[in-house]
Amino acid sequence: MSSAPAPWQGPDAAAVRPALNALLHARQRTAHTRQHRGLVRLQLGPYALQAIFLPAAFICLLVHFEPALVDFWGEFVMTWAQALELPLRATTRPGGWGEVRVAWNPLATATVLPGDMALAVAAVVTLVVFLATFAMRSSLLPLRYLLRILCAVQAVSIVFFAMGNEFPYDITDHVRSLASAGFVLLAAIPVMLAMGYYVLRVPVATKLLHTALILGYFIAWVPLQILVHAVLLQHLGVLVMPLLYFCFGAVLNFLLFIALYGWVASTAPAVQ
């Protein structure tokens, strides 16, 4: 039993041939289209060496200049603390890696545990903000959940202080912790870039520049973050310290790094 002739072999070949030619030309045009770089396997080669030696070099520099960095952070904080009349003072007390040598005046009113009135006001404000999230339109869904998370953390803080628990963590510890966590992040940035950026086909000079820009950003950001936290703690008291620590401390800094990493990684050229 003979099969029917193909369209390009039968009497209708003249009508089908233009469509076939168009398909052939389209195939020729797209035959050399590259895969998206997210689907292409990385050819490490020399980039593996860069991912080893570049982080080591940056970490060594950070460790070597850690005293100068701490002095810069301390001078920045103390200069603005005097201008803003914050009860901070310089101290020679030894600290860990990246800890600024400052201390909070223990007689400042912000170090006193919150009273019943402060707890009641904080509870009302937290409840109002939480209920307000239900009235937000759907386009603000990310902001809605962010506010609910902040309200949940603050609610736990209110319950903790309302139960009369001791709170040995003072503002000096908070400032030192922020600085120490900031320095740890600085040392971790080259390592994280080694796993997701140094292995890309980017010139070494560009990698060095982007790493220096990211490190420079956080070197300038950490003392400013410390200063903002100190101002808020002076006026709002230790009741907001857990909220600042858990949501606007190391977590915020890590999210900022992710945003900066997304920027530098997006500048990488497509894989050839």
Protein backbone atom coordinates (compact mmCIF):
# COMPACT_ATOMS: atom_id res chain seq x y z
CA MET A 1 0.00 0.00 0.00
CA SER A 2 1.68 3.22 -1.15
CA SER A 3 1.68 6.22 1.09
CA ALA A 4 0.42 9.62 -0.01
CA PRO A 5 3.11 11.93 -1.38
CA ALA A 6 4.51 14.61 0.91
CA PRO A 7 3.12 18.13 0.36
CA TRP A 8 6.43 19.30 -1.12
CA GLN A 9 6.41 16.37 -3.56
CA GLY A 10 2.80 16.51 -4.76
CA PRO A 11 0.89 18.86 -7.02
CA ASP A 12 0.65 21.47 -4.23
CA ALA A 13 4.43 21.75 -3.86
CA ALA A 14 4.47 25.26 -5.33
CA ALA A 15 2.04 26.48 -2.68
CA VAL A 16 3.92 24.83 0.20
CA ARG A 17 7.46 25.75 -0.88
CA PRO A 18 7.34 29.43 0.26
CA ALA A 19 6.31 28.38 3.77
CA LEU A 20 9.09 25.78 3.90
CA ASN A 21 11.65 28.33 2.73
CA ALA A 22 10.49 30.76 5.42
CA LEU A 23 10.95 28.04 8.06
CA LEU A 24 14.41 27.23 6.71
CA HIS A 25 15.49 30.87 6.84
CA ALA A 26 14.14 31.23 10.37
CA ARG A 27 16.08 28.18 11.45
CA GLN A 28 19.27 29.55 9.93
CA ARG A 29 18.80 32.85 11.72
CA THR A 30 18.29 31.26 15.14
CA ALA A 31 20.74 28.37 14.80
CA HIS A 32 23.50 30.34 16.52
CA THR A 33 21.37 31.87 19.27
CA ARG A 34 23.11 31.47 22.62
CA GLN A 35 21.45 29.95 25.63
CA HIS A 36 20.62 32.19 28.54
CA ARG A 37 23.59 32.41 30.87
CA GLY A 38 21.45 30.95 33.64
CA LEU A 39 21.19 27.69 31.62
CA VAL A 40 24.82 27.40 30.56
CA ARG A 41 27.32 25.48 32.63
CA LEU A 42 30.19 27.58 33.89
CA GLN A 43 33.63 26.79 32.56
CA LEU A 44 35.63 27.61 35.66
CA GLY A 45 39.23 27.47 34.44
CA PRO A 46 41.09 30.53 35.78
CA TYR A 47 37.92 31.82 37.44
CA ALA A 48 38.27 29.14 40.11
CA LEU A 49 41.64 30.59 41.06
CA GLN A 50 40.12 34.07 41.21
CA ALA A 51 37.40 32.74 43.51
CA ILE A 52 40.14 31.54 45.89
CA PHE A 53 42.74 34.28 45.83
CA LEU A 54 40.55 37.39 45.56
CA PRO A 55 38.58 36.70 48.78
CA ALA A 56 41.80 35.86 50.60
CA ALA A 57 43.37 39.14 49.49
CA PHE A 58 40.37 41.24 50.55
CA ILE A 59 40.07 39.49 53.92
CA CYS A 60 43.76 40.04 54.63
CA LEU A 61 43.36 43.73 53.85
CA LEU A 62 40.34 44.00 56.13
CA VAL A 63 42.13 42.28 59.00
CA HIS A 64 45.23 44.44 58.52
CA PHE A 65 43.29 47.72 58.49
CA GLU A 66 40.76 46.71 61.15
CA PRO A 67 42.20 49.08 63.82
CA ALA A 68 42.07 52.05 61.42
CA LEU A 69 38.54 51.10 60.39
CA VAL A 70 37.36 50.89 64.00
CA ASP A 71 38.95 54.28 64.74
CA PHE A 72 37.14 55.80 61.74
CA TRP A 73 33.81 54.36 62.84
CA GLY A 74 34.36 55.54 66.41
CA GLU A 75 35.32 59.08 65.38
CA PHE A 76 32.31 59.30 63.05
CA VAL A 77 29.89 58.16 65.74
CA MET A 78 31.38 60.40 68.44
CA THR A 79 31.44 63.48 66.20
CA TRP A 80 27.75 63.18 65.40
CA ALA A 81 26.89 62.05 68.94
CA GLN A 82 28.20 65.36 70.26
CA ALA A 83 26.26 67.30 67.64
CA LEU A 84 23.05 65.38 68.45
CA GLU A 85 23.70 65.45 72.23
CA LEU A 86 23.71 61.69 72.55
CA PRO A 87 24.97 60.32 75.88
CA LEU A 88 27.87 58.49 74.24
CA ARG A 89 31.47 58.72 75.37
CA ALA A 90 34.72 57.30 74.10
CA THR A 91 36.28 54.48 76.07
CA THR A 92 39.51 52.48 76.03
CA ARG A 93 37.75 49.26 76.96
CA PRO A 94 39.06 46.48 74.68
CA GLY A 95 36.59 44.97 72.26
CA GLY A 96 36.28 42.25 69.68
CA TRP A 97 36.72 42.48 65.93
CA GLY A 98 35.15 45.63 64.55
CA GLU A 99 33.72 46.84 67.88
CA VAL A 100 33.81 50.61 68.29
CA ARG A 101 35.25 51.89 71.57
CA VAL A 102 32.25 53.87 72.81
CA ALA A 103 29.99 53.58 75.84
CA TRP A 104 26.50 54.81 76.66
CA ASN A 105 26.01 56.96 79.75
CA PRO A 106 24.35 54.57 82.24
CA LEU A 107 22.44 57.48 83.79
CA ALA A 108 20.64 58.31 80.52
CA THR A 109 16.89 57.88 80.75
CA ALA A 110 16.82 55.68 77.63
CA THR A 111 18.49 52.83 79.52
CA VAL A 112 15.66 52.61 82.06
CA LEU A 113 13.21 49.78 81.49
CA PRO A 114 9.89 50.95 79.99
CA GLY A 115 7.09 51.77 82.40
CA ASP A 116 3.41 50.89 82.22
CA MET A 117 2.54 53.99 80.20
CA ALA A 118 5.26 53.32 77.62
CA LEU A 119 4.15 49.72 77.30
CA ALA A 120 0.51 50.72 76.87
CA VAL A 121 1.32 53.31 74.19
CA ALA A 122 3.55 50.86 72.34
CA ALA A 123 0.85 48.18 72.48
CA VAL A 124 -1.79 50.53 71.09
CA VAL A 125 0.47 51.77 68.28
CA THR A 126 1.47 48.21 67.37
CA LEU A 127 -2.16 47.07 67.31
CA VAL A 128 -3.25 50.03 65.18
CA VAL A 129 -0.50 49.42 62.62
CA PHE A 130 -1.32 45.71 62.51
CA LEU A 131 -5.03 46.35 61.93
CA ALA A 132 -4.23 49.00 59.32
CA THR A 133 -2.49 46.37 57.19
CA PHE A 134 -5.86 44.70 56.54
CA ALA A 135 -7.10 47.89 54.88
CA MET A 136 -4.14 48.14 52.51
CA ARG A 137 -4.81 47.44 48.85
CA SER A 138 -3.53 44.27 47.25
CA SER A 139 -0.81 46.06 45.28
CA LEU A 140 0.89 46.78 48.61
CA LEU A 141 0.98 43.12 49.64
CA PRO A 142 4.79 43.00 50.25
CA LEU A 143 4.58 46.10 52.47
CA ARG A 144 1.59 44.61 54.26
CA TYR A 145 3.50 41.47 55.26
CA LEU A 146 6.59 43.48 56.19
CA LEU A 147 4.55 45.62 58.59
CA ARG A 148 2.96 42.52 60.09
CA ILE A 149 6.38 40.99 60.72
CA LEU A 150 7.55 44.18 62.41
CA CYS A 151 4.40 44.25 64.52
CA ALA A 152 4.92 40.63 65.57
CA VAL A 153 8.50 41.30 66.69
CA GLN A 154 7.46 44.42 68.57
CA ALA A 155 4.57 42.56 70.22
CA VAL A 156 6.99 39.94 71.56
CA SER A 157 9.18 42.74 72.93
CA ILE A 158 6.18 44.35 74.66
CA VAL A 159 5.16 41.04 76.25
CA PHE A 160 8.74 40.43 77.40
CA PHE A 161 9.03 43.76 79.20
CA ALA A 162 5.48 43.57 80.54
CA MET A 163 6.38 40.32 82.32
CA GLY A 164 9.05 42.19 84.26
CA ASN A 165 11.96 40.14 82.91
CA GLU A 166 15.50 41.39 83.42
CA PHE A 167 17.15 42.92 80.37
CA PRO A 168 20.94 42.86 80.81
CA TYR A 169 21.59 43.90 77.20
CA ASP A 170 22.21 47.67 77.30
CA ILE A 171 22.67 50.26 74.54
CA THR A 172 26.46 49.98 74.70
CA ASP A 173 26.18 46.28 73.93
CA HIS A 174 23.81 47.07 71.07
CA VAL A 175 26.20 49.59 69.51
CA ARG A 176 29.16 47.24 69.83
CA SER A 177 27.14 44.36 68.39
CA LEU A 178 26.15 46.42 65.35
CA ALA A 179 29.76 47.35 64.67
CA SER A 180 31.01 43.80 65.18
CA ALA A 181 28.31 42.35 62.92
CA GLY A 182 29.16 44.98 60.32
CA PHE A 183 32.80 43.97 60.30
CA VAL A 184 31.88 40.28 60.05
CA LEU A 185 29.72 41.13 57.05
CA LEU A 186 32.62 42.99 55.45
CA ALA A 187 34.81 39.91 55.83
CA ALA A 188 32.05 37.62 54.50
CA ILE A 189 31.30 39.72 51.41
CA PRO A 190 34.37 38.54 49.40
CA VAL A 191 33.55 34.93 50.27
CA MET A 192 29.94 35.28 49.12
CA LEU A 193 31.06 37.04 45.95
CA ALA A 194 33.48 34.20 45.30
CA MET A 195 30.60 31.73 45.13
CA GLY A 196 28.33 33.77 42.88
CA TYR A 197 30.32 36.47 41.12
CA TYR A 198 34.04 35.75 40.86
CA VAL A 199 33.30 32.58 38.84
CA LEU A 200 31.60 34.64 36.12
CA ARG A 201 33.40 35.66 32.95
CA VAL A 202 34.06 39.20 34.09
CA PRO A 203 37.42 40.99 33.85
CA VAL A 204 39.44 40.93 37.04
CA ALA A 205 39.58 44.73 37.13
CA THR A 206 35.77 44.88 37.08
CA LYS A 207 35.54 42.35 39.90
CA LEU A 208 38.00 44.33 41.99
CA LEU A 209 36.12 47.55 41.33
CA HIS A 210 32.70 46.12 42.19
CA THR A 211 34.03 44.47 45.35
CA ALA A 212 35.66 47.72 46.44
CA LEU A 213 32.43 49.62 45.80
CA ILE A 214 30.36 47.16 47.85
CA LEU A 215 32.87 47.17 50.71
CA GLY A 216 33.07 50.95 50.59
CA TYR A 217 29.29 51.17 50.78
CA PHE A 218 29.13 49.13 53.98
CA ILE A 219 32.16 50.87 55.50
CA ALA A 220 30.18 54.11 55.18
CA TRP A 221 26.82 52.53 56.08
CA VAL A 222 27.69 50.75 59.35
CA PRO A 223 28.57 53.88 61.42
CA LEU A 224 25.52 55.67 60.02
CA GLN A 225 23.37 52.70 61.03
CA ILE A 226 24.88 52.80 64.53
CA LEU A 227 24.10 56.49 64.82
CA VAL A 228 20.48 56.09 63.68
CA HIS A 229 19.94 53.25 66.16
CA ALA A 230 21.44 55.34 68.97
CA VAL A 231 19.11 58.26 68.21
CA LEU A 232 16.04 55.98 68.15
CA LEU A 233 17.07 54.29 71.39
CA GLN A 234 17.60 57.64 73.07
CA HIS A 235 14.07 58.79 72.28
CA LEU A 236 12.14 55.50 72.25
CA GLY A 237 14.08 53.53 74.85
CA VAL A 238 15.14 49.90 74.96
CA LEU A 239 11.58 48.79 74.19
CA VAL A 240 12.39 49.05 70.47
CA MET A 241 15.86 47.51 70.77
CA PRO A 242 14.75 43.96 69.82
CA LEU A 243 12.96 45.36 66.76
CA LEU A 244 16.04 47.33 65.71
CA TYR A 245 18.34 44.39 66.35
CA PHE A 246 16.37 41.66 64.59
CA CYS A 247 14.84 43.62 61.70
CA PHE A 248 17.08 46.61 61.10
CA GLY A 249 20.46 45.20 62.04
CA ALA A 250 22.30 42.30 60.44
CA VAL A 251 19.20 41.14 58.53
CA LEU A 252 18.83 44.53 56.84
CA ASN A 253 22.53 44.60 56.00
CA PHE A 254 22.33 41.17 54.39
CA LEU A 255 19.35 42.25 52.29
CA LEU A 256 21.31 45.33 51.20
CA PHE A 257 24.17 43.07 50.13
CA ILE A 258 21.78 40.89 48.11
CA ALA A 259 20.55 43.99 46.29
CA LEU A 260 24.11 45.12 45.54
CA TYR A 261 25.07 41.62 44.42
CA GLY A 262 22.11 41.56 42.05
CA TRP A 263 23.35 44.82 40.57
CA VAL A 264 26.94 43.70 39.96
CA ALA A 265 25.89 40.26 38.70
CA SER A 266 23.46 41.81 36.22
CA THR A 267 26.35 43.69 34.61
CA ALA A 268 28.10 40.45 33.65
CA PRO A 269 28.11 39.81 29.89
CA ALA A 270 26.19 36.93 28.35
CA VAL A 271 28.05 33.62 28.12
CA GLN A 272 29.60 33.21 24.68
